[in-house]
Every structure is written in structure tokens, then in C-alpha cells.
Amino acid sequence: MANQNPGIYITRSAGADIPVPVSGETVAWDNTNLRWIEWNGTVWVPAAVSIFDVSSGNPAFDVVNTAATQTVYSKSIPGGMLSANSILRMTWEGDILNNVDNSRTIAFQLQLGGNTFALNASLTLGTGGSFPSTNRAAVSGTVVIRMAGATNRQFIRTRITVGGANSVGALADVWHDQITALPLSVDMTTAQLLVYAVAFGSASPNLEYRQFGTSVEYL
């Protein structure tokens, strides 16, 4: 896709550029996927509601036998994409193996523009009684980034749930829910990196986190 004023152009395989009008919604190729986009008066942004990014694999990322913080997802948010009332929602799915003991911990860290905006206080993998186990426990998470009436003010809400390891469909073993007490002040008129990372409290070949899928929606 070639970005040219006043709109954007979709390049066909034959090499000719198709001009896109600067109003309404349209479909554009981002070199990976077709995306619904719309003009917000300043830049082209994903059309609300739309999928901004998707990452998946089997697994997409694997953390095992290390206590170092590991980035499992990152994505640059283009400057100007989020207006004063925009929302980003990130969701992910994975699983955890803890076959050590019921005192092992894992921390989930979330950053925007280099600023850590959520860091759970080390979830203990065993408070619900299903660890240690040779079975894996499902993990899911949701992050909502809500612009608070300005492009440099955000409220952040996170929820992370670790399922029970002893049976399919088991109730949550542990969970974490957090919201920022005060608006953050990350300037979204410039590109900012969104990062999700995990860290075990200790290293063991019997402690493993696998990330299978992450999606980011523009609302």
C-alpha cells in the first residue's frame, strides 16, 4: 500500500494505483491482510469496530525454564490513530504448566509507550488448589485502553484469568483485575509501542507459559 496525499492508494499486482477517497470507509491492503479503514480528519485509521492486529501460532510464543521477563506480544500504535474518545481492546489466550509446587508465581506486565501501566503482584499458581499438575491450565486476558477525552489521557483496565488445571472447563484457579486509579498521560499523537510480557518467579523446566493468540480491536 502506498500512502499518498490526500488519501491512500491500493497497489494492484499490475502496478497501477487505485485512489481511495478521503471520506467514508474502504478496504486497504497492509501487506499482510485486507483491513477496513476510514479517514478521521487527520490520518487513516481502522474502521470502528475493526480488528487492528492479530497474532497467532501453536504456540505463538513459549516461555519455559526462565525467570527473565519475556515479551510475548508487541505492536506499534500509529500516531493519530487514537482520538480523544477512542478505545483499544486487547485479548489473548494461552496456557500454563506448573508441575513444581503450589507456591510458583507468574507476573503479567503491560506497557504503553515504555510506561508500565499494569503489573500484577505475582499471581500464585496454586491458591485455587489445582497445582502442581501435569495438566495445563488455560489463561485468558483482556486489556481496555480508553482515551479520557484527550489524546494524552488514558484509563487502563486489565483482567487476567488462570483456569484450573485438573479438568477441562475447570473454574478459575486465580485471577487478577486492575484499573488505573488516575488517567495516564501517554501522548498518542505520536507512535507508541504496546507490549505484553510475562515473567515466572523462578526458573524450571516444569514451569511453562504458552501464548497462542492475541488480537487488538479498535472501537
Protein backbone atom coordinates (compact mmCIF):
# COMPACT_ATOMS: atom_id res chain seq x y z
CA MET A 1 0.00 0.00 0.00
CA ALA A 2 1.40 3.38 -0.94
CA ASN A 3 0.46 6.29 1.34
CA GLN A 4 -0.03 9.42 -0.74
CA ASN A 5 -1.88 12.69 -0.08
CA PRO A 6 -4.75 13.32 0.12
CA GLY A 7 -5.76 9.69 0.54
CA ILE A 8 -4.17 6.26 0.28
CA TYR A 9 -3.71 4.10 -2.78
CA ILE A 10 -4.11 0.36 -3.19
CA THR A 11 -1.42 -1.08 -5.46
CA ARG A 12 -2.62 -3.83 -7.76
CA SER A 13 -0.35 -6.59 -8.98
CA ALA A 14 -0.32 -4.90 -12.38
CA GLY A 15 1.32 -1.90 -10.75
CA ALA A 16 -1.44 0.68 -11.18
CA ASP A 17 -2.54 2.63 -8.09
CA ILE A 18 -6.24 2.90 -7.26
CA PRO A 19 -7.01 6.21 -5.47
CA VAL A 20 -9.12 5.96 -2.33
CA PRO A 21 -11.46 8.88 -1.50
CA VAL A 22 -10.84 10.77 1.77
CA SER A 23 -14.24 10.11 3.32
CA GLY A 24 -16.25 7.09 4.39
CA GLU A 25 -14.89 3.57 4.82
CA THR A 26 -12.90 1.44 2.43
CA VAL A 27 -10.77 -1.69 2.28
CA ALA A 28 -6.98 -1.47 2.05
CA TRP A 29 -4.10 -3.95 1.95
CA ASP A 30 -1.45 -3.57 4.69
CA ASN A 31 0.98 -6.08 3.10
CA THR A 32 -0.49 -8.79 5.35
CA ASN A 33 -4.28 -8.50 5.46
CA LEU A 34 -7.17 -6.56 3.99
CA ARG A 35 -8.39 -4.01 6.53
CA TRP A 36 -11.47 -1.80 6.85
CA ILE A 37 -10.23 1.77 7.28
CA GLU A 38 -11.71 5.24 7.50
CA TRP A 39 -10.44 8.83 7.42
CA ASN A 40 -10.58 10.54 10.86
CA GLY A 41 -9.78 14.01 9.51
CA THR A 42 -6.06 13.60 10.09
CA VAL A 43 -4.94 10.07 9.25
CA TRP A 44 -6.38 6.78 8.00
CA VAL A 45 -7.38 4.57 10.95
CA PRO A 46 -9.07 1.15 11.35
CA ALA A 47 -12.84 1.49 10.88
CA ALA A 48 -14.75 1.12 14.15
CA VAL A 49 -15.30 -1.64 15.15
CA SER A 50 -12.42 -3.44 13.44
CA ILE A 51 -9.54 -5.79 14.10
CA PHE A 52 -6.35 -3.73 14.31
CA ASP A 53 -3.95 -6.66 14.71
CA VAL A 54 -3.96 -10.44 15.11
CA SER A 55 -1.10 -12.71 16.15
CA SER A 56 -1.47 -16.48 16.45
CA GLY A 57 0.60 -19.64 16.48
CA ASN A 58 0.88 -23.10 18.01
CA PRO A 59 2.24 -21.60 20.15
CA ALA A 60 2.96 -18.05 19.00
CA PHE A 61 5.40 -17.69 21.92
CA ASP A 62 6.78 -20.10 24.51
CA VAL A 63 8.29 -19.18 27.91
CA VAL A 64 9.92 -22.09 29.77
CA ASN A 65 12.77 -22.63 32.25
CA THR A 66 13.48 -18.91 32.77
CA ALA A 67 12.66 -16.21 35.32
CA ALA A 68 13.56 -13.37 32.95
CA THR A 69 10.78 -11.10 31.70
CA GLN A 70 9.78 -12.23 28.21
CA THR A 71 7.87 -10.12 25.68
CA VAL A 72 5.15 -12.28 24.15
CA TYR A 73 3.41 -9.58 22.09
CA SER A 74 4.25 -6.08 20.86
CA LYS A 75 2.64 -3.75 18.36
CA SER A 76 3.26 -0.14 17.42
CA ILE A 77 0.14 2.05 17.66
CA PRO A 78 0.41 4.66 14.87
CA GLY A 79 0.41 8.30 15.93
CA GLY A 80 -3.02 9.88 15.46
CA MET A 81 -4.90 6.58 15.32
CA LEU A 82 -6.49 7.10 18.74
CA SER A 83 -8.65 10.20 19.04
CA ALA A 84 -9.84 11.76 22.30
CA ASN A 85 -12.68 9.20 22.61
CA SER A 86 -11.15 6.08 21.07
CA ILE A 87 -10.83 2.65 22.70
CA LEU A 88 -8.39 -0.22 22.11
CA ARG A 89 -9.22 -3.68 23.42
CA MET A 90 -6.55 -6.38 23.51
CA THR A 91 -7.40 -10.00 24.28
CA TRP A 92 -5.19 -13.08 24.42
CA GLU A 93 -5.32 -16.80 25.14
CA GLY A 94 -2.66 -19.23 26.31
CA ASP A 95 -1.93 -21.91 28.89
CA ILE A 96 0.32 -22.54 31.89
CA LEU A 97 2.10 -25.66 33.08
CA ASN A 98 3.07 -25.75 36.77
CA ASN A 99 4.27 -29.17 37.83
CA VAL A 100 6.59 -27.87 40.58
CA ASP A 101 4.54 -26.90 43.65
CA ASN A 102 1.68 -24.63 44.68
CA SER A 103 3.87 -21.63 45.51
CA ARG A 104 5.10 -20.82 41.99
CA THR A 105 4.25 -17.33 40.70
CA ILE A 106 3.81 -15.58 37.38
CA ALA A 107 3.60 -11.83 36.62
CA PHE A 108 1.90 -10.27 33.58
CA GLN A 109 3.32 -6.89 32.55
CA LEU A 110 1.66 -4.43 30.19
CA GLN A 111 3.32 -1.33 28.78
CA LEU A 112 2.30 1.57 26.57
CA GLY A 113 4.97 3.88 25.19
CA GLY A 114 7.58 2.47 27.56
CA ASN A 115 5.38 3.12 30.61
CA THR A 116 4.30 0.13 32.69
CA PHE A 117 0.59 0.61 33.28
CA ALA A 118 -0.30 -2.77 34.80
CA LEU A 119 1.88 -5.23 36.64
CA ASN A 120 0.06 -7.81 38.70
CA ALA A 121 1.59 -8.63 42.06
CA SER A 122 2.78 -12.10 41.03
CA LEU A 123 -0.19 -14.44 40.80
CA THR A 124 0.44 -17.56 42.86
CA LEU A 125 -0.24 -20.65 40.77
CA GLY A 126 -1.85 -22.82 43.39
CA THR A 127 -4.17 -20.72 45.53
CA GLY A 128 -7.17 -22.49 43.99
CA GLY A 129 -5.79 -25.95 44.74
CA SER A 130 -5.24 -27.27 41.20
CA PHE A 131 -1.42 -27.00 41.09
CA PRO A 132 1.02 -28.69 40.84
CA SER A 133 -0.24 -30.78 37.95
CA THR A 134 0.94 -32.36 34.71
CA ASN A 135 -2.18 -30.82 33.11
CA ARG A 136 -2.06 -27.35 31.64
CA ALA A 137 -4.35 -24.53 32.76
CA ALA A 138 -5.98 -22.17 30.29
CA VAL A 139 -5.11 -18.47 30.57
CA SER A 140 -7.03 -15.53 29.13
CA GLY A 141 -6.58 -11.80 29.42
CA THR A 142 -8.28 -8.55 28.41
CA VAL A 143 -6.86 -5.04 28.36
CA VAL A 144 -9.02 -2.00 27.62
CA ILE A 145 -7.28 1.29 26.83
CA ARG A 146 -9.89 4.06 26.94
CA MET A 147 -8.93 7.58 25.90
CA ALA A 148 -10.17 10.00 28.57
CA GLY A 149 -11.35 12.93 26.46
CA ALA A 150 -7.88 13.83 25.18
CA THR A 151 -5.15 12.19 23.10
CA ASN A 152 -2.77 12.22 26.08
CA ARG A 153 -5.10 10.84 28.78
CA GLN A 154 -6.00 7.16 29.19
CA PHE A 155 -7.71 4.87 31.65
CA ILE A 156 -6.44 1.28 31.55
CA ARG A 157 -8.37 -1.79 32.74
CA THR A 158 -6.95 -5.31 32.79
CA ARG A 159 -8.36 -8.71 33.68
CA ILE A 160 -6.31 -11.94 33.69
CA THR A 161 -7.79 -15.35 34.50
CA VAL A 162 -5.94 -18.63 35.06
CA GLY A 163 -8.21 -21.68 34.87
CA GLY A 164 -7.99 -24.81 36.97
CA ALA A 165 -5.51 -27.40 35.71
CA ASN A 166 -7.22 -30.58 36.79
CA SER A 167 -10.12 -30.77 34.34
CA VAL A 168 -11.37 -29.35 31.07
CA GLY A 169 -13.60 -26.34 31.73
CA ALA A 170 -12.47 -26.03 35.36
CA LEU A 171 -13.35 -22.86 37.24
CA ALA A 172 -10.67 -20.19 37.62
CA ASP A 173 -7.78 -21.06 39.92
CA VAL A 174 -6.58 -17.47 40.22
CA TRP A 175 -7.48 -14.15 38.61
CA HIS A 176 -6.36 -10.53 38.63
CA ASP A 177 -8.44 -7.41 37.98
CA GLN A 178 -6.93 -3.92 37.86
CA ILE A 179 -7.84 -0.42 36.71
CA THR A 180 -5.65 2.66 36.75
CA ALA A 181 -6.50 4.93 39.70
CA LEU A 182 -5.72 8.08 37.71
CA PRO A 183 -5.58 8.81 33.98
CA LEU A 184 -2.23 8.12 32.38
CA SER A 185 -0.59 10.69 30.12
CA VAL A 186 0.84 8.85 27.12
CA ASP A 187 0.87 11.09 24.02
CA MET A 188 -0.97 9.13 21.32
CA THR A 189 -0.41 11.75 18.62
CA THR A 190 2.94 10.01 18.08
CA ALA A 191 3.54 6.27 17.57
CA GLN A 192 3.64 4.30 20.83
CA LEU A 193 4.58 0.67 21.43
CA LEU A 194 2.06 -1.62 23.14
CA VAL A 195 3.85 -4.51 24.91
CA TYR A 196 2.63 -7.56 26.82
CA ALA A 197 5.21 -9.59 28.75
CA VAL A 198 5.31 -12.38 31.33
CA ALA A 199 7.78 -13.50 33.98
CA PHE A 200 7.86 -16.51 36.28
CA GLY A 201 9.13 -16.00 39.82
CA SER A 202 11.65 -18.82 39.31
CA ALA A 203 13.05 -20.95 36.51
CA SER A 204 12.13 -24.61 36.00
CA PRO A 205 11.61 -26.90 33.01
CA ASN A 206 8.28 -27.74 34.69
CA LEU A 207 7.11 -24.11 34.57
CA GLU A 208 5.89 -23.05 31.12
CA TYR A 209 3.69 -20.35 29.63
CA ARG A 210 2.45 -20.68 26.04
CA GLN A 211 0.78 -17.84 24.14
CA PHE A 212 -1.49 -18.97 21.29
CA GLY A 213 -3.34 -15.90 20.12
CA THR A 214 -3.56 -12.15 20.60
CA SER A 215 -5.99 -9.74 18.97
CA VAL A 216 -6.32 -5.96 19.23
CA GLU A 217 -9.61 -4.28 18.33
CA TYR A 218 -10.17 -0.61 17.53
CA LEU A 219 -13.51 0.55 18.95
